[in-house]
Amino acid sequence: MSTISPETALVYTMVTVSASDDQMTDSELTRMTGLVGYLPAFRDYNVERLRTDTETCTQLLQSEEGLDAVLGLIEEAVPETHYDLVYALACEVAASDSNLTQEELRLLELFRHYLNVDRLTAAAIERGIAARQKSFTF
């Protein structure tokens, strides 16, 4: 049995990506809150836990085990059938400020490999998220 819920693991995913470049932007935090409020995967999640789960994940990332510990918790809590969802949420947060940093790109690649998300699935997720980011202002 996992020490965290699948929903908390999804929050940890988003926080990890947001914190990867050492700053959590307003657009990333807004996107995270929106996803938690919108997606069916969070239907049973108490949104009041979002701040606590965010702080806990941030502290974990700063610990000696850091990223490895967080990835292990995510892998343990989320069923393998939902690894594509983990990758999609990671991509959503990375793309939310329209500026993917090298740190975010490396972390997305790490998530993809760690969770064995195949290239075709990853490409479809990435393309869908890129399309969702488009606007009519140039």
N, C-alpha and C. Protein backbone atom coordinates (compact mmCIF):
# COMPACT_ATOMS: atom_id res chain seq x y z
N MET A 1 0.84 -1.19 0.00
CA MET A 1 0.00 0.00 0.00
C MET A 1 0.88 1.25 0.00
N SER A 2 0.47 2.22 -0.74
CA SER A 2 1.23 3.46 -0.87
C SER A 2 1.07 4.35 0.36
N THR A 3 2.07 5.17 0.58
CA THR A 3 1.99 6.12 1.70
C THR A 3 1.24 7.39 1.32
N ILE A 4 1.01 7.60 0.03
CA ILE A 4 0.21 8.75 -0.42
C ILE A 4 -0.87 8.25 -1.38
N SER A 5 -1.90 9.05 -1.55
CA SER A 5 -2.98 8.69 -2.47
C SER A 5 -2.56 8.96 -3.91
N PRO A 6 -3.24 8.34 -4.86
CA PRO A 6 -2.94 8.64 -6.27
C PRO A 6 -3.11 10.13 -6.59
N GLU A 7 -4.13 10.75 -6.00
CA GLU A 7 -4.37 12.17 -6.24
C GLU A 7 -3.22 13.03 -5.71
N THR A 8 -2.73 12.67 -4.53
CA THR A 8 -1.59 13.40 -3.96
C THR A 8 -0.36 13.20 -4.84
N ALA A 9 -0.19 12.00 -5.38
CA ALA A 9 0.93 11.74 -6.29
C ALA A 9 0.84 12.62 -7.53
N LEU A 10 -0.37 12.85 -8.01
CA LEU A 10 -0.53 13.75 -9.16
C LEU A 10 -0.16 15.18 -8.80
N VAL A 11 -0.53 15.59 -7.59
CA VAL A 11 -0.13 16.92 -7.11
C VAL A 11 1.40 16.99 -7.02
N TYR A 12 2.03 15.95 -6.48
CA TYR A 12 3.49 15.91 -6.38
C TYR A 12 4.12 16.03 -7.77
N THR A 13 3.51 15.40 -8.76
CA THR A 13 4.01 15.49 -10.13
C THR A 13 4.03 16.94 -10.60
N MET A 14 2.91 17.61 -10.41
CA MET A 14 2.80 19.00 -10.86
C MET A 14 3.75 19.92 -10.10
N VAL A 15 3.86 19.72 -8.80
CA VAL A 15 4.76 20.54 -7.98
C VAL A 15 6.21 20.32 -8.40
N THR A 16 6.57 19.08 -8.65
CA THR A 16 7.95 18.75 -9.04
C THR A 16 8.33 19.46 -10.33
N VAL A 17 7.44 19.45 -11.30
CA VAL A 17 7.72 20.13 -12.57
C VAL A 17 7.78 21.64 -12.35
N SER A 18 6.85 22.16 -11.60
CA SER A 18 6.81 23.60 -11.35
C SER A 18 8.07 24.08 -10.63
N ALA A 19 8.56 23.28 -9.70
CA ALA A 19 9.73 23.67 -8.90
C ALA A 19 11.05 23.35 -9.58
N SER A 20 11.01 22.69 -10.73
CA SER A 20 12.25 22.22 -11.36
C SER A 20 13.20 23.34 -11.75
N ASP A 21 12.67 24.51 -12.03
CA ASP A 21 13.53 25.64 -12.39
C ASP A 21 13.69 26.61 -11.23
N ASP A 22 13.46 26.11 -10.02
CA ASP A 22 13.64 26.86 -8.77
C ASP A 22 12.66 28.01 -8.57
N GLN A 23 11.59 28.04 -9.36
CA GLN A 23 10.55 29.05 -9.12
C GLN A 23 9.20 28.49 -9.56
N MET A 24 8.22 28.67 -8.72
CA MET A 24 6.86 28.25 -9.05
C MET A 24 6.11 29.52 -9.46
N THR A 25 5.84 29.64 -10.76
CA THR A 25 5.22 30.86 -11.28
C THR A 25 3.72 30.88 -10.99
N ASP A 26 3.15 32.08 -11.04
CA ASP A 26 1.71 32.22 -10.84
C ASP A 26 0.93 31.41 -11.87
N SER A 27 1.40 31.41 -13.11
CA SER A 27 0.68 30.67 -14.15
C SER A 27 0.72 29.17 -13.88
N GLU A 28 1.84 28.68 -13.36
CA GLU A 28 1.93 27.26 -13.02
C GLU A 28 0.99 26.92 -11.86
N LEU A 29 0.99 27.76 -10.84
CA LEU A 29 0.11 27.52 -9.69
C LEU A 29 -1.36 27.61 -10.08
N THR A 30 -1.69 28.56 -10.94
CA THR A 30 -3.06 28.69 -11.42
C THR A 30 -3.47 27.46 -12.22
N ARG A 31 -2.57 26.98 -13.07
CA ARG A 31 -2.86 25.78 -13.87
C ARG A 31 -3.06 24.58 -12.96
N MET A 32 -2.20 24.43 -11.95
CA MET A 32 -2.34 23.31 -11.02
C MET A 32 -3.70 23.34 -10.33
N THR A 33 -4.07 24.49 -9.82
CA THR A 33 -5.35 24.64 -9.13
C THR A 33 -6.51 24.33 -10.08
N GLY A 34 -6.41 24.82 -11.30
CA GLY A 34 -7.45 24.56 -12.30
C GLY A 34 -7.59 23.09 -12.63
N LEU A 35 -6.47 22.41 -12.79
CA LEU A 35 -6.50 20.98 -13.09
C LEU A 35 -7.11 20.18 -11.95
N VAL A 36 -6.74 20.53 -10.73
CA VAL A 36 -7.30 19.84 -9.56
C VAL A 36 -8.81 20.05 -9.50
N GLY A 37 -9.27 21.23 -9.85
CA GLY A 37 -10.69 21.52 -9.80
C GLY A 37 -11.48 20.95 -10.96
N TYR A 38 -10.80 20.57 -12.04
CA TYR A 38 -11.47 20.20 -13.28
C TYR A 38 -11.42 18.71 -13.62
N LEU A 39 -10.28 18.09 -13.43
CA LEU A 39 -10.09 16.72 -13.93
C LEU A 39 -10.81 15.66 -13.08
N PRO A 40 -11.40 14.67 -13.73
CA PRO A 40 -12.06 13.59 -13.00
C PRO A 40 -11.12 12.83 -12.06
N ALA A 41 -9.83 12.79 -12.36
CA ALA A 41 -8.88 12.09 -11.50
C ALA A 41 -8.84 12.68 -10.09
N PHE A 42 -9.25 13.94 -9.96
CA PHE A 42 -9.23 14.60 -8.65
C PHE A 42 -10.62 14.64 -8.00
N ARG A 43 -11.56 13.89 -8.52
CA ARG A 43 -12.93 13.92 -8.02
C ARG A 43 -13.00 13.66 -6.51
N ASP A 44 -12.19 12.74 -6.00
CA ASP A 44 -12.21 12.39 -4.58
C ASP A 44 -11.16 13.13 -3.76
N TYR A 45 -10.49 14.08 -4.37
CA TYR A 45 -9.42 14.82 -3.69
C TYR A 45 -10.00 16.03 -2.97
N ASN A 46 -9.59 16.21 -1.73
CA ASN A 46 -10.00 17.38 -0.95
C ASN A 46 -9.09 18.55 -1.34
N VAL A 47 -9.63 19.50 -2.07
CA VAL A 47 -8.84 20.62 -2.59
C VAL A 47 -8.17 21.41 -1.46
N GLU A 48 -8.70 21.32 -0.27
CA GLU A 48 -8.08 22.01 0.87
C GLU A 48 -6.72 21.42 1.22
N ARG A 49 -6.42 20.23 0.71
CA ARG A 49 -5.12 19.61 0.94
C ARG A 49 -4.04 20.11 -0.03
N LEU A 50 -4.45 20.86 -1.03
CA LEU A 50 -3.51 21.26 -2.08
C LEU A 50 -2.31 22.01 -1.52
N ARG A 51 -2.55 22.96 -0.65
CA ARG A 51 -1.44 23.73 -0.07
C ARG A 51 -0.52 22.83 0.75
N THR A 52 -1.10 21.98 1.59
CA THR A 52 -0.30 21.08 2.42
C THR A 52 0.50 20.11 1.57
N ASP A 53 -0.15 19.51 0.57
CA ASP A 53 0.55 18.57 -0.31
C ASP A 53 1.66 19.27 -1.09
N THR A 54 1.42 20.49 -1.51
CA THR A 54 2.44 21.26 -2.23
C THR A 54 3.65 21.51 -1.32
N GLU A 55 3.40 21.93 -0.10
CA GLU A 55 4.49 22.20 0.85
C GLU A 55 5.24 20.92 1.20
N THR A 56 4.52 19.82 1.39
CA THR A 56 5.17 18.55 1.72
C THR A 56 6.07 18.10 0.57
N CYS A 57 5.58 18.22 -0.65
CA CYS A 57 6.38 17.83 -1.80
C CYS A 57 7.62 18.71 -1.93
N THR A 58 7.45 19.99 -1.73
CA THR A 58 8.58 20.93 -1.81
C THR A 58 9.65 20.56 -0.78
N GLN A 59 9.22 20.24 0.43
CA GLN A 59 10.17 19.82 1.47
C GLN A 59 10.86 18.52 1.08
N LEU A 60 10.10 17.59 0.54
CA LEU A 60 10.69 16.32 0.10
C LEU A 60 11.73 16.55 -0.98
N LEU A 61 11.43 17.42 -1.93
CA LEU A 61 12.38 17.70 -3.01
C LEU A 61 13.67 18.31 -2.49
N GLN A 62 13.60 19.01 -1.37
CA GLN A 62 14.79 19.64 -0.79
C GLN A 62 15.56 18.69 0.12
N SER A 63 15.01 17.51 0.37
CA SER A 63 15.69 16.54 1.23
C SER A 63 16.82 15.85 0.47
N GLU A 64 17.58 15.05 1.18
CA GLU A 64 18.72 14.37 0.58
C GLU A 64 18.29 13.43 -0.55
N GLU A 65 17.17 12.73 -0.36
CA GLU A 65 16.67 11.80 -1.39
C GLU A 65 16.01 12.55 -2.53
N GLY A 66 15.42 13.69 -2.22
CA GLY A 66 14.86 14.61 -3.20
C GLY A 66 14.01 13.99 -4.28
N LEU A 67 14.41 14.21 -5.52
CA LEU A 67 13.65 13.80 -6.68
C LEU A 67 13.41 12.29 -6.70
N ASP A 68 14.41 11.51 -6.32
CA ASP A 68 14.25 10.05 -6.31
C ASP A 68 13.12 9.63 -5.38
N ALA A 69 13.04 10.26 -4.22
CA ALA A 69 11.98 9.94 -3.25
C ALA A 69 10.61 10.28 -3.82
N VAL A 70 10.50 11.44 -4.43
CA VAL A 70 9.21 11.86 -4.99
C VAL A 70 8.81 10.94 -6.14
N LEU A 71 9.73 10.64 -7.03
CA LEU A 71 9.41 9.73 -8.14
C LEU A 71 8.98 8.36 -7.63
N GLY A 72 9.64 7.88 -6.60
CA GLY A 72 9.26 6.60 -6.00
C GLY A 72 7.86 6.61 -5.43
N LEU A 73 7.51 7.70 -4.75
CA LEU A 73 6.16 7.83 -4.20
C LEU A 73 5.11 7.89 -5.30
N ILE A 74 5.41 8.62 -6.36
CA ILE A 74 4.48 8.72 -7.49
C ILE A 74 4.27 7.35 -8.12
N GLU A 75 5.37 6.66 -8.39
CA GLU A 75 5.29 5.33 -9.01
C GLU A 75 4.51 4.35 -8.14
N GLU A 76 4.71 4.44 -6.85
CA GLU A 76 4.05 3.55 -5.90
C GLU A 76 2.55 3.83 -5.79
N ALA A 77 2.16 5.09 -5.89
CA ALA A 77 0.77 5.48 -5.64
C ALA A 77 -0.13 5.42 -6.87
N VAL A 78 0.44 5.62 -8.04
CA VAL A 78 -0.37 5.70 -9.26
C VAL A 78 -0.33 4.35 -9.99
N PRO A 79 -1.50 3.82 -10.34
CA PRO A 79 -1.51 2.57 -11.11
C PRO A 79 -0.82 2.77 -12.46
N GLU A 80 -0.17 1.72 -12.92
CA GLU A 80 0.56 1.79 -14.19
C GLU A 80 -0.33 2.24 -15.34
N THR A 81 -1.60 1.91 -15.27
CA THR A 81 -2.55 2.30 -16.32
C THR A 81 -2.75 3.80 -16.40
N HIS A 82 -2.29 4.52 -15.38
CA HIS A 82 -2.48 5.97 -15.33
C HIS A 82 -1.16 6.75 -15.47
N TYR A 83 -0.09 6.07 -15.87
CA TYR A 83 1.19 6.77 -16.04
C TYR A 83 1.11 7.82 -17.13
N ASP A 84 0.26 7.59 -18.14
CA ASP A 84 0.09 8.61 -19.17
C ASP A 84 -0.52 9.88 -18.58
N LEU A 85 -1.38 9.73 -17.60
CA LEU A 85 -1.97 10.89 -16.91
C LEU A 85 -0.90 11.66 -16.15
N VAL A 86 -0.01 10.94 -15.49
CA VAL A 86 1.10 11.59 -14.77
C VAL A 86 1.92 12.42 -15.76
N TYR A 87 2.27 11.82 -16.89
CA TYR A 87 3.06 12.53 -17.88
C TYR A 87 2.30 13.73 -18.44
N ALA A 88 1.01 13.56 -18.68
CA ALA A 88 0.20 14.66 -19.21
C ALA A 88 0.15 15.83 -18.23
N LEU A 89 -0.01 15.56 -16.95
CA LEU A 89 -0.03 16.64 -15.96
C LEU A 89 1.32 17.33 -15.87
N ALA A 90 2.39 16.55 -15.96
CA ALA A 90 3.73 17.14 -15.95
C ALA A 90 3.88 18.09 -17.14
N CYS A 91 3.43 17.66 -18.31
CA CYS A 91 3.51 18.50 -19.51
C CYS A 91 2.63 19.74 -19.39
N GLU A 92 1.43 19.58 -18.84
CA GLU A 92 0.51 20.71 -18.67
C GLU A 92 1.16 21.82 -17.85
N VAL A 93 1.75 21.45 -16.74
CA VAL A 93 2.35 22.46 -15.86
C VAL A 93 3.58 23.08 -16.52
N ALA A 94 4.39 22.26 -17.17
CA ALA A 94 5.58 22.79 -17.85
C ALA A 94 5.20 23.80 -18.92
N ALA A 95 4.11 23.55 -19.63
CA ALA A 95 3.69 24.42 -20.73
C ALA A 95 2.87 25.62 -20.27
N SER A 96 2.48 25.66 -19.03
CA SER A 96 1.52 26.67 -18.57
C SER A 96 2.03 28.11 -18.66
N ASP A 97 3.33 28.31 -18.57
CA ASP A 97 3.83 29.68 -18.67
C ASP A 97 4.44 29.97 -20.04
N SER A 98 4.18 29.10 -21.00
CA SER A 98 4.61 29.26 -22.40
C SER A 98 6.11 29.38 -22.56
N ASN A 99 6.85 28.91 -21.58
CA ASN A 99 8.31 29.02 -21.63
C ASN A 99 8.91 27.80 -20.96
N LEU A 100 9.20 26.77 -21.75
CA LEU A 100 9.79 25.56 -21.19
C LEU A 100 11.29 25.77 -21.00
N THR A 101 11.73 25.60 -19.77
CA THR A 101 13.16 25.73 -19.47
C THR A 101 13.85 24.40 -19.74
N GLN A 102 15.16 24.43 -19.81
CA GLN A 102 15.93 23.20 -19.99
C GLN A 102 15.68 22.24 -18.83
N GLU A 103 15.56 22.78 -17.62
CA GLU A 103 15.29 21.94 -16.45
C GLU A 103 13.96 21.21 -16.61
N GLU A 104 12.94 21.94 -17.07
CA GLU A 104 11.63 21.32 -17.26
C GLU A 104 11.68 20.26 -18.35
N LEU A 105 12.37 20.54 -19.44
CA LEU A 105 12.48 19.56 -20.53
C LEU A 105 13.19 18.30 -20.07
N ARG A 106 14.26 18.46 -19.29
CA ARG A 106 14.98 17.30 -18.76
C ARG A 106 14.09 16.50 -17.81
N LEU A 107 13.33 17.21 -16.99
CA LEU A 107 12.45 16.52 -16.04
C LEU A 107 11.33 15.78 -16.77
N LEU A 108 10.77 16.37 -17.80
CA LEU A 108 9.75 15.67 -18.59
C LEU A 108 10.31 14.39 -19.19
N GLU A 109 11.52 14.48 -19.71
CA GLU A 109 12.17 13.29 -20.26
C GLU A 109 12.39 12.24 -19.17
N LEU A 110 12.80 12.69 -18.00
CA LEU A 110 13.00 11.78 -16.88
C LEU A 110 11.68 11.09 -16.50
N PHE A 111 10.60 11.85 -16.39
CA PHE A 111 9.29 11.26 -16.10
C PHE A 111 8.92 10.23 -17.15
N ARG A 112 9.10 10.58 -18.41
CA ARG A 112 8.73 9.67 -19.50
C ARG A 112 9.49 8.36 -19.40
N HIS A 113 10.78 8.43 -19.17
CA HIS A 113 11.58 7.22 -19.07
C HIS A 113 11.30 6.45 -17.79
N TYR A 114 11.20 7.16 -16.68
CA TYR A 114 10.98 6.52 -15.38
C TYR A 114 9.67 5.74 -15.38
N LEU A 115 8.64 6.30 -16.00
CA LEU A 115 7.32 5.66 -16.01
C LEU A 115 7.07 4.83 -17.27
N ASN A 116 8.08 4.71 -18.11
CA ASN A 116 7.97 3.92 -19.35
C ASN A 116 6.79 4.35 -20.22
N VAL A 117 6.64 5.64 -20.39
CA VAL A 117 5.63 6.16 -21.32
C VAL A 117 6.25 6.09 -22.71
N ASP A 118 5.62 5.32 -23.60
CA ASP A 118 6.23 5.13 -24.92
C ASP A 118 6.23 6.43 -25.72
N ARG A 119 7.09 6.47 -26.73
CA ARG A 119 7.30 7.69 -27.52
C ARG A 119 6.03 8.18 -28.21
N LEU A 120 5.24 7.26 -28.74
CA LEU A 120 4.04 7.65 -29.47
C LEU A 120 3.02 8.29 -28.52
N THR A 121 2.84 7.68 -27.36
CA THR A 121 1.92 8.24 -26.36
C THR A 121 2.42 9.60 -25.90
N ALA A 122 3.71 9.70 -25.62
CA ALA A 122 4.29 10.97 -25.17
C ALA A 122 4.12 12.05 -26.24
N ALA A 123 4.37 11.70 -27.49
CA ALA A 123 4.23 12.68 -28.58
C ALA A 123 2.78 13.15 -28.71
N ALA A 124 1.84 12.23 -28.56
CA ALA A 124 0.42 12.61 -28.65
C ALA A 124 0.04 13.55 -27.51
N ILE A 125 0.50 13.24 -26.32
CA ILE A 125 0.23 14.10 -25.16
C ILE A 125 0.83 15.49 -25.39
N GLU A 126 2.09 15.52 -25.79
CA GLU A 126 2.78 16.79 -26.00
C GLU A 126 2.10 17.62 -27.08
N ARG A 127 1.68 16.97 -28.16
CA ARG A 127 1.02 17.70 -29.26
C ARG A 127 -0.33 18.24 -28.83
N GLY A 128 -1.07 17.46 -28.07
CA GLY A 128 -2.36 17.92 -27.56
C GLY A 128 -2.22 19.11 -26.65
N ILE A 129 -1.23 19.08 -25.79
CA ILE A 129 -1.01 20.19 -24.87
C ILE A 129 -0.52 21.43 -25.62
N ALA A 130 0.32 21.23 -26.62
CA ALA A 130 0.77 22.37 -27.44
C ALA A 130 -0.43 23.02 -28.13
N ALA A 131 -1.34 22.22 -28.63
CA ALA A 131 -2.54 22.76 -29.29
C ALA A 131 -3.40 23.53 -28.29
N ARG A 132 -3.50 23.04 -27.07
CA ARG A 132 -4.31 23.71 -26.04
C ARG A 132 -3.71 25.05 -25.62
N GLN A 133 -2.43 25.24 -25.84
CA GLN A 133 -1.75 26.48 -25.44
C GLN A 133 -1.89 27.60 -26.47
N LYS A 134 -2.37 27.28 -27.65
CA LYS A 134 -2.45 28.28 -28.73
C LYS A 134 -3.49 29.34 -28.42
N SER A 135 -3.18 30.55 -28.88
CA SER A 135 -4.14 31.65 -28.77
C SER A 135 -4.13 32.42 -30.10
N PHE A 136 -5.00 33.39 -30.22
CA PHE A 136 -5.06 34.18 -31.44
C PHE A 136 -4.30 35.49 -31.32
N THR A 137 -3.60 35.68 -30.21
CA THR A 137 -2.73 36.86 -30.06
C THR A 137 -1.32 36.43 -30.38
N PHE A 138 -0.67 37.18 -31.25
CA PHE A 138 0.67 36.79 -31.69
C PHE A 138 1.69 37.71 -31.16
